[in-house]
Structures are given as structure tokens and as C-alpha cells.
C-alpha atoms as a PDB file:
ATOM      1  CA  UNK A   1       4.121 -24.761  -0.142  1.00  0.00           C
ATOM      2  CA  UNK A   2       2.158 -27.855  -1.046  1.00  0.00           C
ATOM      3  CA  UNK A   3       4.575 -28.899  -3.805  1.00  0.00           C
ATOM      4  CA  UNK A   4       7.509 -29.148  -1.434  1.00  0.00           C
ATOM      5  CA  UNK A   5       8.967 -32.008   0.466  1.00  0.00           C
ATOM      6  CA  UNK A   6       8.277 -32.587   4.110  1.00  0.00           C
ATOM      7  CA  UNK A   7      10.189 -32.206   7.361  1.00  0.00           C
ATOM      8  CA  UNK A   8       9.383 -35.140   9.639  1.00  0.00           C
ATOM      9  CA  UNK A   9      10.084 -34.800  13.351  1.00  0.00           C
ATOM     10  CA  UNK A  10      10.942 -38.380  14.311  1.00  0.00           C
ATOM     11  CA  UNK A  11      11.381 -39.459  17.948  1.00  0.00           C
ATOM     12  CA  UNK A  12      14.088 -42.029  18.594  1.00  0.00           C
ATOM     13  CA  UNK A  13      14.498 -44.584  21.400  1.00  0.00           C
ATOM     14  CA  UNK A  14      15.661 -43.281  24.767  1.00  0.00           C
ATOM     15  CA  UNK A  15      17.654 -46.338  25.793  1.00  0.00           C
ATOM     16  CA  UNK A  16      16.305 -49.456  24.133  1.00  0.00           C
ATOM     17  CA  UNK A  17      16.464 -49.546  20.336  1.00  0.00           C
ATOM     18  CA  UNK A  18      13.378 -51.782  20.278  1.00  0.00           C
ATOM     19  CA  UNK A  19      11.290 -48.821  21.489  1.00  0.00           C
ATOM     20  CA  UNK A  20      11.290 -47.264  18.019  1.00  0.00           C
ATOM     21  CA  UNK A  21       7.900 -47.203  16.310  1.00  0.00           C
ATOM     22  CA  UNK A  22       7.098 -48.901  13.031  1.00  0.00           C
ATOM     23  CA  UNK A  23       6.060 -45.534  11.605  1.00  0.00           C
ATOM     24  CA  UNK A  24       9.389 -43.979  12.608  1.00  0.00           C
ATOM     25  CA  UNK A  25      11.231 -46.778  10.796  1.00  0.00           C
ATOM     26  CA  UNK A  26       9.042 -46.342   7.711  1.00  0.00           C
ATOM     27  CA  UNK A  27       9.749 -42.603   7.610  1.00  0.00           C
ATOM     28  CA  UNK A  28      13.489 -42.998   8.222  1.00  0.00           C
ATOM     29  CA  UNK A  29      13.701 -45.523   5.382  1.00  0.00           C
ATOM     30  CA  UNK A  30      11.708 -43.353   2.969  1.00  0.00           C
ATOM     31  CA  UNK A  31      13.140 -39.841   3.397  1.00  0.00           C
ATOM     32  CA  UNK A  32      15.874 -38.397   1.206  1.00  0.00           C
ATOM     33  CA  UNK A  33      18.107 -37.431   4.137  1.00  0.00           C
ATOM     34  CA  UNK A  34      18.239 -37.430   7.924  1.00  0.00           C
ATOM     35  CA  UNK A  35      19.170 -34.383  10.004  1.00  0.00           C
ATOM     36  CA  UNK A  36      20.792 -35.652  13.204  1.00  0.00           C
ATOM     37  CA  UNK A  37      21.720 -33.972  16.471  1.00  0.00           C
ATOM     38  CA  UNK A  38      24.955 -36.014  16.330  1.00  0.00           C
ATOM     39  CA  UNK A  39      25.578 -38.099  13.214  1.00  0.00           C
ATOM     40  CA  UNK A  40      28.003 -40.386  15.067  1.00  0.00           C
ATOM     41  CA  UNK A  41      25.413 -41.209  17.712  1.00  0.00           C
ATOM     42  CA  UNK A  42      22.606 -41.635  15.174  1.00  0.00           C
ATOM     43  CA  UNK A  43      24.725 -43.979  13.063  1.00  0.00           C
ATOM     44  CA  UNK A  44      24.268 -46.692  15.731  1.00  0.00           C
ATOM     45  CA  UNK A  45      20.476 -46.505  15.425  1.00  0.00           C
ATOM     46  CA  UNK A  46      20.473 -46.286  11.643  1.00  0.00           C
ATOM     47  CA  UNK A  47      22.891 -49.195  11.195  1.00  0.00           C
ATOM     48  CA  UNK A  48      20.940 -51.336  13.659  1.00  0.00           C
ATOM     49  CA  UNK A  49      17.845 -50.994  11.472  1.00  0.00           C
ATOM     50  CA  UNK A  50      19.770 -51.149   8.147  1.00  0.00           C
ATOM     51  CA  UNK A  51      18.841 -47.587   7.203  1.00  0.00           C
ATOM     52  CA  UNK A  52      21.299 -46.222   4.653  1.00  0.00           C
ATOM     53  CA  UNK A  53      20.380 -42.592   4.067  1.00  0.00           C
ATOM     54  CA  UNK A  54      22.564 -39.495   3.835  1.00  0.00           C
ATOM     55  CA  UNK A  55      22.886 -37.747   7.190  1.00  0.00           C
ATOM     56  CA  UNK A  56      23.966 -34.284   8.230  1.00  0.00           C
ATOM     57  CA  UNK A  57      24.275 -32.604  11.604  1.00  0.00           C
ATOM     58  CA  UNK A  58      21.795 -30.078  12.990  1.00  0.00           C
ATOM     59  CA  UNK A  59      22.741 -29.209  16.558  1.00  0.00           C
ATOM     60  CA  UNK A  60      22.845 -26.254  18.943  1.00  0.00           C
ATOM     61  CA  UNK A  61      26.018 -24.849  17.380  1.00  0.00           C
ATOM     62  CA  UNK A  62      24.984 -24.945  13.703  1.00  0.00           C
ATOM     63  CA  UNK A  63      21.182 -25.004  13.604  1.00  0.00           C
ATOM     64  CA  UNK A  64      20.792 -21.398  12.456  1.00  0.00           C
ATOM     65  CA  UNK A  65      23.279 -21.997   9.636  1.00  0.00           C
ATOM     66  CA  UNK A  66      21.517 -25.196   8.527  1.00  0.00           C
ATOM     67  CA  UNK A  67      18.035 -23.681   8.159  1.00  0.00           C
ATOM     68  CA  UNK A  68      18.585 -22.461   4.592  1.00  0.00           C
ATOM     69  CA  UNK A  69      20.122 -25.774   3.525  1.00  0.00           C
ATOM     70  CA  UNK A  70      17.109 -27.697   4.799  1.00  0.00           C
ATOM     71  CA  UNK A  71      14.585 -25.262   3.322  1.00  0.00           C
ATOM     72  CA  UNK A  72      16.329 -25.410  -0.074  1.00  0.00           C
ATOM     73  CA  UNK A  73      16.086 -29.193  -0.011  1.00  0.00           C
ATOM     74  CA  UNK A  74      12.405 -29.065   0.948  1.00  0.00           C
ATOM     75  CA  UNK A  75      11.738 -26.597  -1.881  1.00  0.00           C
ATOM     76  CA  UNK A  76      13.298 -29.129  -4.292  1.00  0.00           C
ATOM     77  CA  UNK A  77      10.715 -31.659  -3.120  1.00  0.00           C
ATOM     78  CA  UNK A  78      12.985 -33.652  -0.829  1.00  0.00           C
ATOM     79  CA  UNK A  79      11.764 -35.049   2.455  1.00  0.00           C
ATOM     80  CA  UNK A  80      13.961 -34.860   5.539  1.00  0.00           C
ATOM     81  CA  UNK A  81      13.698 -36.523   8.937  1.00  0.00           C
ATOM     82  CA  UNK A  82      14.876 -34.615  11.998  1.00  0.00           C
ATOM     83  CA  UNK A  83      16.097 -36.827  14.853  1.00  0.00           C
ATOM     84  CA  UNK A  84      17.783 -36.154  18.168  1.00  0.00           C
ATOM     85  CA  UNK A  85      20.151 -38.434  20.059  1.00  0.00           C
ATOM     86  CA  UNK A  86      17.294 -39.817  22.162  1.00  0.00           C
ATOM     87  CA  UNK A  87      13.618 -39.021  22.499  1.00  0.00           C
ATOM     88  CA  UNK A  88      11.598 -36.381  20.721  1.00  0.00           C
ATOM     89  CA  UNK A  89      13.462 -33.630  18.841  1.00  0.00           C
ATOM     90  CA  UNK A  90      12.876 -30.084  20.134  1.00  0.00           C
ATOM     91  CA  UNK A  91      12.070 -31.261  23.684  1.00  0.00           C
ATOM     92  CA  UNK A  92      15.208 -29.856  25.354  1.00  0.00           C
ATOM     93  CA  UNK A  93      16.994 -30.690  22.102  1.00  0.00           C
ATOM     94  CA  UNK A  94      17.806 -28.791  18.891  1.00  0.00           C
ATOM     95  CA  UNK A  95      15.204 -28.212  16.209  1.00  0.00           C
ATOM     96  CA  UNK A  96      13.152 -25.188  17.266  1.00  0.00           C
ATOM     97  CA  UNK A  97      14.916 -22.754  14.929  1.00  0.00           C
ATOM     98  CA  UNK A  98      14.527 -25.140  11.995  1.00  0.00           C
ATOM     99  CA  UNK A  99      10.876 -26.014  12.603  1.00  0.00           C
ATOM    100  CA  UNK A 100       9.989 -22.370  13.251  1.00  0.00           C
ATOM    101  CA  UNK A 101      11.597 -21.357   9.939  1.00  0.00           C
ATOM    102  CA  UNK A 102       9.730 -24.121   8.108  1.00  0.00           C
ATOM    103  CA  UNK A 103       6.426 -23.017   9.643  1.00  0.00           C
ATOM    104  CA  UNK A 104       7.134 -19.398   8.667  1.00  0.00           C
ATOM    105  CA  UNK A 105       7.213 -20.378   4.988  1.00  0.00           C
ATOM    106  CA  UNK A 106       4.333 -22.853   5.324  1.00  0.00           C
ATOM    107  CA  UNK A 107       6.531 -25.853   4.607  1.00  0.00           C
ATOM    108  CA  UNK A 108       5.109 -29.268   5.370  1.00  0.00           C
ATOM    109  CA  UNK A 109       6.065 -30.349   8.899  1.00  0.00           C
ATOM    110  CA  UNK A 110       4.810 -33.603  10.397  1.00  0.00           C
ATOM    111  CA  UNK A 111       5.615 -34.552  13.985  1.00  0.00           C
ATOM    112  CA  UNK A 112       5.444 -38.247  14.806  1.00  0.00           C
ATOM    113  CA  UNK A 113       4.453 -39.454  18.277  1.00  0.00           C
ATOM    114  CA  UNK A 114       6.980 -41.462  20.214  1.00  0.00           C
ATOM    115  CA  UNK A 115       9.452 -41.616  23.079  1.00  0.00           C
ATOM    116  CA  UNK A 116       9.764 -38.587  25.348  1.00  0.00           C
ATOM    117  CA  UNK A 117      11.790 -38.912  28.557  1.00  0.00           C
ATOM    118  CA  UNK A 118       9.673 -36.340  30.412  1.00  0.00           C
ATOM    119  CA  UNK A 119       6.398 -38.146  29.756  1.00  0.00           C
ATOM    120  CA  UNK A 120       7.945 -41.563  30.381  1.00  0.00           C
ATOM    121  CA  UNK A 121       9.336 -40.433  33.754  1.00  0.00           C
ATOM    122  CA  UNK A 122       6.073 -38.745  34.683  1.00  0.00           C
ATOM    123  CA  UNK A 123       3.970 -41.801  33.882  1.00  0.00           C
ATOM    124  CA  UNK A 124       6.092 -44.016  36.148  1.00  0.00           C
ATOM    125  CA  UNK A 125       6.706 -41.590  39.016  1.00  0.00           C
ATOM    126  CA  UNK A 126       3.489 -42.141  40.925  1.00  0.00           C
ATOM    127  CA  UNK A 127       2.839 -38.399  41.019  1.00  0.00           C
ATOM    128  CA  UNK A 128      -0.312 -36.611  39.832  1.00  0.00           C
ATOM    129  CA  UNK A 129      -0.318 -36.366  36.040  1.00  0.00           C
ATOM    130  CA  UNK A 130      -3.474 -34.360  35.416  1.00  0.00           C
ATOM    131  CA  UNK A 131      -1.452 -31.128  35.559  1.00  0.00           C
ATOM    132  CA  UNK A 132       2.298 -30.827  35.214  1.00  0.00           C
ATOM    133  CA  UNK A 133       4.954 -28.348  34.184  1.00  0.00           C
ATOM    134  CA  UNK A 134       8.034 -29.297  32.187  1.00  0.00           C
ATOM    135  CA  UNK A 135      11.069 -27.137  32.942  1.00  0.00           C
ATOM    136  CA  UNK A 136      13.732 -28.820  30.798  1.00  0.00           C
ATOM    137  CA  UNK A 137      17.239 -28.743  32.219  1.00  0.00           C
ATOM    138  CA  UNK A 138      17.847 -26.914  35.483  1.00  0.00           C
ATOM    139  CA  UNK A 139      20.598 -24.279  35.463  1.00  0.00           C
ATOM    140  CA  UNK A 140      24.093 -25.645  36.054  1.00  0.00           C
ATOM    141  CA  UNK A 141      25.147 -23.038  38.607  1.00  0.00           C
ATOM    142  CA  UNK A 142      23.976 -23.947  42.105  1.00  0.00           C
ATOM    143  CA  UNK A 143      22.480 -20.554  43.007  1.00  0.00           C
ATOM    144  CA  UNK A 144      20.479 -20.327  39.782  1.00  0.00           C
ATOM    145  CA  UNK A 145      19.387 -23.953  40.205  1.00  0.00           C
ATOM    146  CA  UNK A 146      18.180 -23.259  43.755  1.00  0.00           C
ATOM    147  CA  UNK A 147      16.268 -20.166  42.602  1.00  0.00           C
ATOM    148  CA  UNK A 148      14.547 -22.143  39.842  1.00  0.00           C
ATOM    149  CA  UNK A 149      13.445 -24.794  42.334  1.00  0.00           C
ATOM    150  CA  UNK A 150      12.286 -22.223  44.897  1.00  0.00           C
ATOM    151  CA  UNK A 151      10.202 -20.467  42.243  1.00  0.00           C
ATOM    152  CA  UNK A 152       8.147 -23.649  41.886  1.00  0.00           C
ATOM    153  CA  UNK A 153       7.619 -24.393  45.595  1.00  0.00           C
ATOM    154  CA  UNK A 154       4.094 -23.011  45.618  1.00  0.00           C
ATOM    155  CA  UNK A 155       3.088 -24.627  42.347  1.00  0.00           C
ATOM    156  CA  UNK A 156       0.108 -26.933  42.587  1.00  0.00           C
ATOM    157  CA  UNK A 157       1.184 -29.267  39.836  1.00  0.00           C
ATOM    158  CA  UNK A 158       3.881 -31.850  39.299  1.00  0.00           C
ATOM    159  CA  UNK A 159       7.197 -30.460  38.013  1.00  0.00           C
ATOM    160  CA  UNK A 160       9.378 -32.414  35.594  1.00  0.00           C
ATOM    161  CA  UNK A 161      13.062 -31.592  35.030  1.00  0.00           C
ATOM    162  CA  UNK A 162      15.844 -33.119  32.990  1.00  0.00           C
ATOM    163  CA  UNK A 163      19.219 -33.895  34.511  1.00  0.00           C
ATOM    164  CA  UNK A 164      22.296 -34.436  32.339  1.00  0.00           C
ATOM    165  CA  UNK A 165      24.047 -37.785  32.897  1.00  0.00           C
END
């Protein structure tokens, strides 16, 4: 699908808007539209950097329904940025279904480097970083959470989890 547009996976700042990369800003300003985890949340970032592009929501509850819309736009030659509320899309955030579908049809997908809470926390934790396992969010229910933690007790690498605020 070399004549199609491109889906850019664009990391966004985790807490400080100044942590955005120059490349991320260039992409966000140049694409035809921006797929956001939450358009209301993303509006703050986009307005801060004077980015006036059409946005639409792609989140856990509608991602499967949005795949065809995005693919149709890519087939028309449009480029779309995928952003999450904070950090790198797909890392415990929506986007897998969309990116997988794009890869299945050989659409152009470019992932930009940038903020990732797991790597940021790991780099500042003072724990070994040569081997680690990322487990995303722990289960909410206490028993399931305890079982997940116990399953890793004999692991010989650092474990990284997310915790919802």
C-alpha cells in the first residue's frame, strides 16, 4: 500500500507539556487528522501548541468500529496521527486493534519515539534495568491482584506495573 497515507503513532507528554518532541510537533502539525484517546483531553495539548487539526476519538469502547474509518482515510492518501492521553499509544492504552488492522493490509505505520511512563519510572527507580518485565495494569480485584504479584515472586528481573491515579 505504498500510495496510501500513513498512520503515525505519536507519544505525548506524561505530565509536562514541554516534554513533547520536535518531531511529534512536526507530525501533529502536518497530518490530516488526529485520532485521540479522549478528544477533550487532547484539546489541551493541541491548543497549547497551536495545532488546529480535525480530531476524532479512538478509545477502548469504539476502536473496533473506527478501524474501517481510519483505513478508508489512509487509502485516500490521508495521514493520521494516533495519540493517547499521556505517553506512548498502545502501551496500556488503545491502538492495538487499529495498528494490527493497518499492518494486516500493509498500510504505512510509523511509530515515533517518546515518553513512556514505564521506561521513565524504570530509569529512575534505581533497580536493575538490563532485564525487566512490563505487566501493565494490575487487576482491580484484590485476590486477582495478589495472584498476579505472587506469580512474579520468583522472577529474576525487575517488574514494572501501572497504577491508575
